[in-house]
């Protein structure tokens, strides 16, 4: 039997904006995945079938798995040019914009010189 599907509040919150199910179904899936309630209990609370709750959980879980796959692909160092490094930067938008401009100029200059 596969491990029980579980998400933290933070993990669930990270996929909520990507979900294409109603807020009520999102809340029902949250009750299963985060609050660890039973399918039967949640179905009764929301007045729907266990299958409907299962579909909502599957939708959230599949979205979460796609996010994980996307993050893994993003972290693939094979796409980073030699001599470059990957960083995560949290800063005001105007600084990020200026930083991107510097990176772009650096890349363009490197390509000109065949670096």
N, C-alpha and C. Protein backbone atom coordinates (compact mmCIF):
# COMPACT_ATOMS: atom_id res chain seq x y z
N UNK A 1 0.85 -1.20 0.00
CA UNK A 1 0.00 0.00 0.00
C UNK A 1 0.88 1.25 0.00
N UNK A 2 0.61 2.23 -0.90
CA UNK A 2 1.43 3.42 -0.95
C UNK A 2 1.29 4.26 0.32
N UNK A 3 2.30 5.07 0.58
CA UNK A 3 2.27 5.94 1.75
C UNK A 3 1.10 6.92 1.63
N UNK A 4 0.56 7.29 2.77
CA UNK A 4 -0.56 8.23 2.80
C UNK A 4 -0.09 9.60 2.28
N UNK A 5 -0.89 10.18 1.45
CA UNK A 5 -0.57 11.50 0.92
C UNK A 5 -0.76 12.54 2.01
N UNK A 6 0.27 13.36 2.20
CA UNK A 6 0.21 14.42 3.19
C UNK A 6 0.92 15.65 2.63
N UNK A 7 0.43 16.81 2.98
CA UNK A 7 1.08 18.07 2.65
C UNK A 7 1.12 18.94 3.90
N UNK A 8 2.13 19.77 3.99
CA UNK A 8 2.16 20.76 5.06
C UNK A 8 1.26 21.93 4.65
N UNK A 9 0.96 22.79 5.60
CA UNK A 9 0.17 23.99 5.26
C UNK A 9 0.87 24.81 4.19
N UNK A 10 2.17 24.93 4.34
CA UNK A 10 2.95 25.74 3.39
C UNK A 10 2.93 25.11 1.99
N UNK A 11 3.09 23.79 1.91
CA UNK A 11 3.05 23.12 0.61
C UNK A 11 1.69 23.30 -0.05
N UNK A 12 0.63 23.15 0.75
CA UNK A 12 -0.71 23.31 0.21
C UNK A 12 -0.91 24.75 -0.28
N UNK A 13 -0.49 25.71 0.52
CA UNK A 13 -0.63 27.12 0.14
C UNK A 13 0.13 27.42 -1.15
N UNK A 14 1.24 26.73 -1.38
CA UNK A 14 2.04 27.00 -2.58
C UNK A 14 1.34 26.55 -3.86
N UNK A 15 0.45 25.55 -3.76
CA UNK A 15 -0.25 25.08 -4.97
C UNK A 15 -1.64 25.67 -5.11
N UNK A 16 -2.19 26.22 -4.05
CA UNK A 16 -3.56 26.73 -4.09
C UNK A 16 -3.81 27.68 -5.27
N UNK A 17 -2.92 28.63 -5.57
CA UNK A 17 -3.19 29.53 -6.70
C UNK A 17 -3.20 28.82 -8.06
N UNK A 18 -2.65 27.63 -8.13
CA UNK A 18 -2.57 26.90 -9.40
C UNK A 18 -3.75 25.96 -9.63
N UNK A 19 -4.57 25.79 -8.61
CA UNK A 19 -5.65 24.81 -8.68
C UNK A 19 -6.81 25.31 -9.52
N UNK A 20 -7.41 24.37 -10.25
CA UNK A 20 -8.56 24.69 -11.10
C UNK A 20 -9.80 23.97 -10.59
N UNK A 21 -9.94 23.98 -9.28
CA UNK A 21 -11.14 23.43 -8.64
C UNK A 21 -11.70 24.52 -7.73
N UNK A 22 -12.95 24.38 -7.37
CA UNK A 22 -13.61 25.41 -6.58
C UNK A 22 -12.94 25.55 -5.21
N UNK A 23 -13.07 26.73 -4.61
CA UNK A 23 -12.52 26.92 -3.27
C UNK A 23 -13.06 25.89 -2.26
N UNK A 24 -14.32 25.51 -2.42
CA UNK A 24 -14.90 24.51 -1.52
C UNK A 24 -14.18 23.17 -1.68
N UNK A 25 -13.90 22.76 -2.90
CA UNK A 25 -13.17 21.50 -3.15
C UNK A 25 -11.72 21.61 -2.66
N UNK A 26 -11.15 22.80 -2.80
CA UNK A 26 -9.81 23.02 -2.26
C UNK A 26 -9.80 22.83 -0.75
N UNK A 27 -10.79 23.39 -0.10
CA UNK A 27 -10.89 23.25 1.36
C UNK A 27 -11.09 21.80 1.77
N UNK A 28 -11.88 21.07 1.00
CA UNK A 28 -12.10 19.65 1.29
C UNK A 28 -10.79 18.88 1.13
N UNK A 29 -10.05 19.16 0.08
CA UNK A 29 -8.75 18.50 -0.12
C UNK A 29 -7.78 18.86 1.00
N UNK A 30 -7.83 20.10 1.44
CA UNK A 30 -7.00 20.55 2.56
C UNK A 30 -7.31 19.72 3.81
N UNK A 31 -8.59 19.49 4.04
CA UNK A 31 -9.00 18.72 5.22
C UNK A 31 -8.39 17.32 5.19
N UNK A 32 -8.25 16.75 4.01
CA UNK A 32 -7.66 15.41 3.88
C UNK A 32 -6.14 15.47 3.95
N UNK A 33 -5.55 16.31 3.12
CA UNK A 33 -4.10 16.32 2.94
C UNK A 33 -3.33 16.99 4.07
N UNK A 34 -3.91 18.01 4.68
CA UNK A 34 -3.20 18.76 5.71
C UNK A 34 -3.76 18.47 7.11
N UNK A 35 -5.08 18.54 7.23
CA UNK A 35 -5.71 18.35 8.55
C UNK A 35 -5.86 16.87 8.92
N UNK A 36 -5.59 15.98 7.96
CA UNK A 36 -5.59 14.52 8.20
C UNK A 36 -6.96 13.97 8.62
N UNK A 37 -8.02 14.56 8.07
CA UNK A 37 -9.36 14.03 8.33
C UNK A 37 -9.62 12.86 7.39
N UNK A 38 -10.59 12.06 7.70
CA UNK A 38 -10.92 10.91 6.85
C UNK A 38 -11.79 11.36 5.68
N UNK A 39 -11.74 10.59 4.59
CA UNK A 39 -12.57 10.87 3.42
C UNK A 39 -14.05 10.85 3.79
N UNK A 40 -14.44 9.90 4.60
CA UNK A 40 -15.85 9.78 5.00
C UNK A 40 -16.29 11.02 5.77
N UNK A 41 -15.47 11.48 6.70
CA UNK A 41 -15.80 12.66 7.50
C UNK A 41 -15.92 13.89 6.61
N UNK A 42 -14.96 14.07 5.73
CA UNK A 42 -14.95 15.26 4.86
C UNK A 42 -16.13 15.22 3.88
N UNK A 43 -16.42 14.05 3.34
CA UNK A 43 -17.56 13.92 2.42
C UNK A 43 -18.85 14.31 3.14
N UNK A 44 -19.00 13.88 4.38
CA UNK A 44 -20.19 14.22 5.15
C UNK A 44 -20.24 15.73 5.44
N UNK A 45 -19.10 16.32 5.77
CA UNK A 45 -19.04 17.76 6.07
C UNK A 45 -19.42 18.61 4.85
N UNK A 46 -19.00 18.15 3.66
CA UNK A 46 -19.24 18.93 2.45
C UNK A 46 -20.45 18.45 1.65
N UNK A 47 -21.12 17.43 2.16
CA UNK A 47 -22.33 16.94 1.50
C UNK A 47 -22.10 16.41 0.10
N UNK A 48 -21.03 15.68 -0.07
CA UNK A 48 -20.74 15.10 -1.39
C UNK A 48 -20.17 13.69 -1.20
N UNK A 49 -19.90 13.04 -2.30
CA UNK A 49 -19.43 11.65 -2.25
C UNK A 49 -17.94 11.58 -1.90
N UNK A 50 -17.55 10.41 -1.44
CA UNK A 50 -16.13 10.17 -1.18
C UNK A 50 -15.35 10.28 -2.49
N UNK A 51 -15.96 9.85 -3.59
CA UNK A 51 -15.30 9.93 -4.90
C UNK A 51 -15.02 11.38 -5.27
N UNK A 52 -15.97 12.25 -5.00
CA UNK A 52 -15.80 13.66 -5.30
C UNK A 52 -14.64 14.24 -4.47
N UNK A 53 -14.58 13.85 -3.22
CA UNK A 53 -13.49 14.30 -2.35
C UNK A 53 -12.16 13.72 -2.88
N UNK A 54 -12.19 12.45 -3.28
CA UNK A 54 -10.99 11.83 -3.84
C UNK A 54 -10.51 12.54 -5.08
N UNK A 55 -11.44 12.95 -5.93
CA UNK A 55 -11.07 13.69 -7.15
C UNK A 55 -10.39 15.02 -6.79
N UNK A 56 -10.92 15.70 -5.78
CA UNK A 56 -10.32 16.97 -5.34
C UNK A 56 -8.92 16.74 -4.79
N UNK A 57 -8.77 15.71 -3.98
CA UNK A 57 -7.45 15.38 -3.43
C UNK A 57 -6.48 15.05 -4.56
N UNK A 58 -6.92 14.25 -5.52
CA UNK A 58 -6.06 13.90 -6.65
C UNK A 58 -5.64 15.12 -7.45
N UNK A 59 -6.57 16.05 -7.63
CA UNK A 59 -6.25 17.28 -8.37
C UNK A 59 -5.16 18.08 -7.65
N UNK A 60 -5.31 18.22 -6.35
CA UNK A 60 -4.31 18.95 -5.57
C UNK A 60 -2.98 18.20 -5.60
N UNK A 61 -3.03 16.91 -5.36
CA UNK A 61 -1.81 16.11 -5.32
C UNK A 61 -1.07 16.14 -6.66
N UNK A 62 -1.81 15.99 -7.75
CA UNK A 62 -1.19 16.03 -9.08
C UNK A 62 -0.54 17.39 -9.35
N UNK A 63 -1.21 18.45 -8.94
CA UNK A 63 -0.65 19.79 -9.11
C UNK A 63 0.63 19.94 -8.30
N UNK A 64 0.60 19.45 -7.07
CA UNK A 64 1.79 19.51 -6.22
C UNK A 64 2.94 18.72 -6.85
N UNK A 65 2.66 17.56 -7.39
CA UNK A 65 3.70 16.75 -8.03
C UNK A 65 4.29 17.47 -9.25
N UNK A 66 3.45 18.17 -10.02
CA UNK A 66 3.95 18.94 -11.16
C UNK A 66 4.85 20.09 -10.69
N UNK A 67 4.49 20.73 -9.58
CA UNK A 67 5.32 21.79 -9.02
C UNK A 67 6.68 21.23 -8.62
N UNK A 68 6.68 20.08 -7.95
CA UNK A 68 7.95 19.45 -7.56
C UNK A 68 8.81 19.12 -8.77
N UNK A 69 8.18 18.57 -9.82
CA UNK A 69 8.92 18.23 -11.03
C UNK A 69 9.49 19.49 -11.69
N UNK A 70 8.73 20.55 -11.68
CA UNK A 70 9.19 21.81 -12.26
C UNK A 70 10.38 22.35 -11.47
N UNK A 71 10.31 22.28 -10.15
CA UNK A 71 11.41 22.74 -9.31
C UNK A 71 12.66 21.91 -9.56
N UNK A 72 12.50 20.61 -9.70
CA UNK A 72 13.64 19.73 -9.95
C UNK A 72 14.29 20.07 -11.29
N UNK A 73 13.47 20.32 -12.30
CA UNK A 73 14.01 20.69 -13.62
C UNK A 73 14.73 22.02 -13.55
N UNK A 74 14.18 22.94 -12.78
CA UNK A 74 14.77 24.26 -12.64
C UNK A 74 16.14 24.18 -11.97
N UNK A 75 16.29 23.22 -11.07
CA UNK A 75 17.54 23.08 -10.34
C UNK A 75 18.58 22.24 -11.08
N UNK A 76 18.24 21.78 -12.28
CA UNK A 76 19.15 20.97 -13.07
C UNK A 76 20.34 21.83 -13.50
N UNK A 77 21.50 21.53 -12.96
CA UNK A 77 22.69 22.33 -13.23
C UNK A 77 23.22 22.18 -14.65
N UNK A 78 22.68 21.23 -15.42
CA UNK A 78 23.13 21.05 -16.80
C UNK A 78 22.78 22.25 -17.67
N UNK A 79 21.80 23.04 -17.25
CA UNK A 79 21.38 24.19 -18.04
C UNK A 79 22.16 25.46 -17.69
N UNK A 80 23.06 25.37 -16.72
CA UNK A 80 23.82 26.54 -16.28
C UNK A 80 25.13 26.60 -17.07
N UNK A 81 25.42 27.73 -17.69
CA UNK A 81 26.68 27.84 -18.44
C UNK A 81 27.89 27.65 -17.52
N UNK A 82 29.00 27.15 -18.06
CA UNK A 82 30.21 26.99 -17.26
C UNK A 82 30.63 28.33 -16.64
N UNK A 83 31.03 28.28 -15.39
CA UNK A 83 31.46 29.50 -14.70
C UNK A 83 30.32 30.29 -14.07
N UNK A 84 29.10 29.83 -14.24
CA UNK A 84 27.95 30.50 -13.65
C UNK A 84 27.46 29.68 -12.47
N UNK A 85 26.69 30.29 -11.59
CA UNK A 85 26.11 29.62 -10.44
C UNK A 85 24.64 29.99 -10.32
N UNK A 86 23.88 29.09 -9.71
CA UNK A 86 22.46 29.36 -9.46
C UNK A 86 22.33 29.91 -8.04
N UNK A 87 21.56 30.99 -7.89
CA UNK A 87 21.26 31.56 -6.58
C UNK A 87 19.77 31.87 -6.51
N UNK A 88 19.28 31.96 -5.33
CA UNK A 88 17.92 32.44 -5.11
C UNK A 88 18.05 33.80 -4.44
N UNK A 89 17.41 34.78 -5.02
CA UNK A 89 17.54 36.15 -4.54
C UNK A 89 16.17 36.69 -4.16
N UNK A 90 16.07 37.18 -2.94
CA UNK A 90 14.84 37.83 -2.50
C UNK A 90 15.21 39.28 -2.21
N UNK A 91 14.62 40.18 -2.98
CA UNK A 91 14.98 41.59 -2.88
C UNK A 91 13.84 42.44 -3.46
N UNK A 92 13.88 43.74 -3.24
CA UNK A 92 12.86 44.61 -3.83
C UNK A 92 12.88 44.51 -5.36
N UNK A 93 11.71 44.66 -5.97
CA UNK A 93 11.55 44.50 -7.42
C UNK A 93 12.52 45.35 -8.24
N UNK A 94 12.74 46.58 -7.80
CA UNK A 94 13.63 47.44 -8.58
C UNK A 94 15.08 46.95 -8.55
N UNK A 95 15.48 46.33 -7.47
CA UNK A 95 16.83 45.76 -7.41
C UNK A 95 16.91 44.52 -8.30
N UNK A 96 15.85 43.70 -8.27
CA UNK A 96 15.82 42.50 -9.12
C UNK A 96 15.91 42.91 -10.59
N UNK A 97 15.18 43.94 -10.97
CA UNK A 97 15.20 44.42 -12.35
C UNK A 97 16.61 44.87 -12.73
N UNK A 98 17.25 45.62 -11.87
CA UNK A 98 18.61 46.09 -12.14
C UNK A 98 19.57 44.91 -12.22
N UNK A 99 19.40 43.93 -11.35
CA UNK A 99 20.25 42.74 -11.35
C UNK A 99 20.10 41.97 -12.66
N UNK A 100 18.86 41.81 -13.12
CA UNK A 100 18.63 41.13 -14.40
C UNK A 100 19.30 41.86 -15.55
N UNK A 101 19.26 43.20 -15.51
CA UNK A 101 19.91 43.98 -16.57
C UNK A 101 21.42 43.75 -16.56
N UNK A 102 22.02 43.69 -15.39
CA UNK A 102 23.47 43.44 -15.29
C UNK A 102 23.79 42.05 -15.83
N UNK A 103 22.99 41.05 -15.46
CA UNK A 103 23.21 39.68 -15.93
C UNK A 103 23.11 39.63 -17.47
N UNK A 104 22.08 40.28 -18.01
CA UNK A 104 21.88 40.28 -19.46
C UNK A 104 23.06 40.94 -20.17
N UNK A 105 23.52 42.06 -19.65
CA UNK A 105 24.65 42.75 -20.25
C UNK A 105 25.91 41.89 -20.17
N UNK A 106 26.11 41.25 -19.05
CA UNK A 106 27.27 40.37 -18.87
C UNK A 106 27.23 39.22 -19.86
N UNK A 107 26.05 38.61 -19.99
CA UNK A 107 25.89 37.48 -20.92
C UNK A 107 26.15 37.93 -22.36
N UNK A 108 25.58 39.08 -22.75
CA UNK A 108 25.78 39.59 -24.10
C UNK A 108 27.26 39.87 -24.39
N UNK A 109 27.94 40.45 -23.41
CA UNK A 109 29.35 40.74 -23.57
C UNK A 109 30.17 39.45 -23.68
N UNK A 110 29.82 38.46 -22.88
CA UNK A 110 30.51 37.16 -22.93
C UNK A 110 30.32 36.49 -24.28
N UNK A 111 29.10 36.57 -24.81
CA UNK A 111 28.81 35.94 -26.11
C UNK A 111 29.56 36.65 -27.24
N UNK A 112 29.74 37.96 -27.14
CA UNK A 112 30.47 38.72 -28.14
C UNK A 112 31.92 38.26 -28.24
N UNK A 113 32.49 37.97 -27.08
CA UNK A 113 33.90 37.59 -27.00
C UNK A 113 34.11 36.09 -27.07
N UNK A 114 33.02 35.32 -27.25
CA UNK A 114 33.14 33.88 -27.37
C UNK A 114 33.48 33.17 -26.08
N UNK A 115 33.21 33.79 -24.95
CA UNK A 115 33.49 33.18 -23.65
C UNK A 115 32.54 32.06 -23.33
